[in-house]
Amino acid sequence: MDVSDAPVLAGIHHLKLPVTDLARSRDWYQSRLGYQVMAEFVEQGQLMGYAMAHPNGGPPLALRLDPRPEPGRRPVLTTSPSACRTRTRSACSPTG
């Protein structure tokens, strides 16, 4: 693609992240990054995801239950140290 043909990106609308454990993922984004649950997605009586927002802005998150990820598939998004610059590295790791 020629750069002159590239669409203009005005920002990120939201990030949708497949997770295998909704409660653990929700707790991690709340405790480590300060996100808050804004809505729950329930399908046929089963909790399937959360819409989350950060009180200081930033991209909204959607955590979506993906109980059987494809073998060998890597996470869509990983936390970088710069995302947690005010915290210790261990505080930003998924295992805490």
C-alpha atoms as a PDB file:
ATOM      1  CA  MET A   1       0.000   0.000   0.000  1.00  0.00           C
ATOM      2  CA  ASP A   2       1.284   3.434  -0.904  1.00  0.00           C
ATOM      3  CA  VAL A   3       1.368   5.706   2.141  1.00  0.00           C
ATOM      4  CA  SER A   4      -0.678   8.313   0.280  1.00  0.00           C
ATOM      5  CA  ASP A   5      -3.483   5.720  -0.018  1.00  0.00           C
ATOM      6  CA  ALA A   6      -3.490   4.908   3.702  1.00  0.00           C
ATOM      7  CA  PRO A   7      -6.636   5.908   5.608  1.00  0.00           C
ATOM      8  CA  VAL A   8      -6.422   8.661   8.198  1.00  0.00           C
ATOM      9  CA  LEU A   9      -6.656   7.239  11.700  1.00  0.00           C
ATOM     10  CA  ALA A  10      -8.215   9.640  14.188  1.00  0.00           C
ATOM     11  CA  GLY A  11      -7.645   7.411  17.220  1.00  0.00           C
ATOM     12  CA  ILE A  12      -8.610   4.085  18.677  1.00  0.00           C
ATOM     13  CA  HIS A  13     -12.315   3.446  19.191  1.00  0.00           C
ATOM     14  CA  HIS A  14     -11.814   0.443  21.509  1.00  0.00           C
ATOM     15  CA  LEU A  15      -9.745  -2.689  21.996  1.00  0.00           C
ATOM     16  CA  LYS A  16     -11.460  -6.077  22.029  1.00  0.00           C
ATOM     17  CA  LEU A  17      -9.399  -8.671  23.861  1.00  0.00           C
ATOM     18  CA  PRO A  18     -10.151 -12.404  23.838  1.00  0.00           C
ATOM     19  CA  VAL A  19      -9.619 -13.912  27.308  1.00  0.00           C
ATOM     20  CA  THR A  20      -9.991 -17.380  28.786  1.00  0.00           C
ATOM     21  CA  ASP A  21     -10.859 -16.208  32.318  1.00  0.00           C
ATOM     22  CA  LEU A  22     -13.186 -13.199  32.519  1.00  0.00           C
ATOM     23  CA  ALA A  23     -12.990 -12.668  36.279  1.00  0.00           C
ATOM     24  CA  ARG A  24      -9.198 -12.880  36.406  1.00  0.00           C
ATOM     25  CA  SER A  25      -8.821 -10.572  33.404  1.00  0.00           C
ATOM     26  CA  ARG A  26     -11.327  -8.054  34.786  1.00  0.00           C
ATOM     27  CA  ASP A  27      -9.539  -8.038  38.145  1.00  0.00           C
ATOM     28  CA  TRP A  28      -6.141  -7.527  36.470  1.00  0.00           C
ATOM     29  CA  TYR A  29      -7.270  -4.541  34.384  1.00  0.00           C
ATOM     30  CA  GLN A  30      -8.985  -3.015  37.429  1.00  0.00           C
ATOM     31  CA  SER A  31      -6.154  -3.493  39.917  1.00  0.00           C
ATOM     32  CA  ARG A  32      -3.154  -2.889  37.650  1.00  0.00           C
ATOM     33  CA  LEU A  33      -4.388  -0.231  35.210  1.00  0.00           C
ATOM     34  CA  GLY A  34      -7.412   1.278  36.943  1.00  0.00           C
ATOM     35  CA  TYR A  35     -10.075   0.285  34.400  1.00  0.00           C
ATOM     36  CA  GLN A  36     -13.696   0.137  35.565  1.00  0.00           C
ATOM     37  CA  VAL A  37     -16.510  -2.117  34.330  1.00  0.00           C
ATOM     38  CA  MET A  38     -19.125  -0.088  32.443  1.00  0.00           C
ATOM     39  CA  ALA A  39     -21.283  -2.933  31.100  1.00  0.00           C
ATOM     40  CA  GLU A  40     -21.591  -6.712  31.105  1.00  0.00           C
ATOM     41  CA  PHE A  41     -22.308  -8.727  27.971  1.00  0.00           C
ATOM     42  CA  VAL A  42     -24.670 -11.625  28.733  1.00  0.00           C
ATOM     43  CA  GLU A  43     -25.694 -14.087  26.036  1.00  0.00           C
ATOM     44  CA  GLN A  44     -28.246 -16.822  26.655  1.00  0.00           C
ATOM     45  CA  GLY A  45     -27.850 -16.318  30.395  1.00  0.00           C
ATOM     46  CA  GLN A  46     -24.040 -16.608  30.378  1.00  0.00           C
ATOM     47  CA  LEU A  47     -21.624 -13.771  31.073  1.00  0.00           C
ATOM     48  CA  MET A  48     -19.539 -13.423  27.899  1.00  0.00           C
ATOM     49  CA  GLY A  49     -17.669 -10.170  28.405  1.00  0.00           C
ATOM     50  CA  TYR A  50     -17.175  -6.741  29.894  1.00  0.00           C
ATOM     51  CA  ALA A  51     -16.953  -3.231  28.518  1.00  0.00           C
ATOM     52  CA  MET A  52     -14.369  -1.308  30.529  1.00  0.00           C
ATOM     53  CA  ALA A  53     -13.315   2.336  30.631  1.00  0.00           C
ATOM     54  CA  HIS A  54     -10.473   4.184  32.290  1.00  0.00           C
ATOM     55  CA  PRO A  55     -11.372   7.165  34.497  1.00  0.00           C
ATOM     56  CA  ASN A  56      -8.528   9.244  33.005  1.00  0.00           C
ATOM     57  CA  GLY A  57      -9.270   8.450  29.358  1.00  0.00           C
ATOM     58  CA  GLY A  58      -7.463   6.059  27.109  1.00  0.00           C
ATOM     59  CA  PRO A  59      -8.925   3.412  24.846  1.00  0.00           C
ATOM     60  CA  PRO A  60     -12.015   1.604  26.104  1.00  0.00           C
ATOM     61  CA  LEU A  61     -11.563  -2.158  26.486  1.00  0.00           C
ATOM     62  CA  ALA A  62     -13.898  -5.014  25.708  1.00  0.00           C
ATOM     63  CA  LEU A  63     -12.953  -8.307  27.350  1.00  0.00           C
ATOM     64  CA  ARG A  64     -14.572 -11.194  25.487  1.00  0.00           C
ATOM     65  CA  LEU A  65     -14.680 -14.786  26.709  1.00  0.00           C
ATOM     66  CA  ASP A  66     -12.775 -17.072  24.363  1.00  0.00           C
ATOM     67  CA  PRO A  67     -12.702 -20.329  26.341  1.00  0.00           C
ATOM     68  CA  ARG A  68     -11.027 -22.400  23.625  1.00  0.00           C
ATOM     69  CA  PRO A  69      -8.302 -20.331  21.945  1.00  0.00           C
ATOM     70  CA  GLU A  70      -6.582 -21.828  18.939  1.00  0.00           C
ATOM     71  CA  PRO A  71      -3.493 -23.888  19.880  1.00  0.00           C
ATOM     72  CA  GLY A  72      -0.344 -21.790  19.758  1.00  0.00           C
ATOM     73  CA  ARG A  73      -2.218 -18.496  19.391  1.00  0.00           C
ATOM     74  CA  ARG A  74      -0.506 -15.644  21.160  1.00  0.00           C
ATOM     75  CA  PRO A  75      -2.304 -12.870  23.049  1.00  0.00           C
ATOM     76  CA  VAL A  76      -3.541  -9.984  20.936  1.00  0.00           C
ATOM     77  CA  LEU A  77      -2.177  -7.411  23.378  1.00  0.00           C
ATOM     78  CA  THR A  78       0.554  -7.634  25.965  1.00  0.00           C
ATOM     79  CA  THR A  79       1.419  -5.109  28.644  1.00  0.00           C
ATOM     80  CA  SER A  80       4.602  -3.182  28.045  1.00  0.00           C
ATOM     81  CA  PRO A  81       6.659  -1.606  30.843  1.00  0.00           C
ATOM     82  CA  SER A  82       5.861   1.863  29.450  1.00  0.00           C
ATOM     83  CA  ALA A  83       2.150   1.227  30.049  1.00  0.00           C
ATOM     84  CA  CYS A  84       2.911   0.799  33.741  1.00  0.00           C
ATOM     85  CA  ARG A  85       5.690   3.353  34.176  1.00  0.00           C
ATOM     86  CA  THR A  86       4.524   4.316  37.690  1.00  0.00           C
ATOM     87  CA  ARG A  87       4.426   0.720  38.910  1.00  0.00           C
ATOM     88  CA  THR A  88       7.015  -1.962  39.433  1.00  0.00           C
ATOM     89  CA  ARG A  89       7.504  -4.534  36.705  1.00  0.00           C
ATOM     90  CA  SER A  90       6.051  -7.295  38.908  1.00  0.00           C
ATOM     91  CA  ALA A  91       2.899  -5.230  39.489  1.00  0.00           C
ATOM     92  CA  CYS A  92       2.314  -5.146  35.745  1.00  0.00           C
ATOM     93  CA  SER A  93       2.832  -8.836  35.082  1.00  0.00           C
ATOM     94  CA  PRO A  94      -0.316 -10.937  34.664  1.00  0.00           C
ATOM     95  CA  THR A  95       0.745 -13.144  37.562  1.00  0.00           C
ATOM     96  CA  GLY A  96       1.293 -10.098  39.775  1.00  0.00           C
END
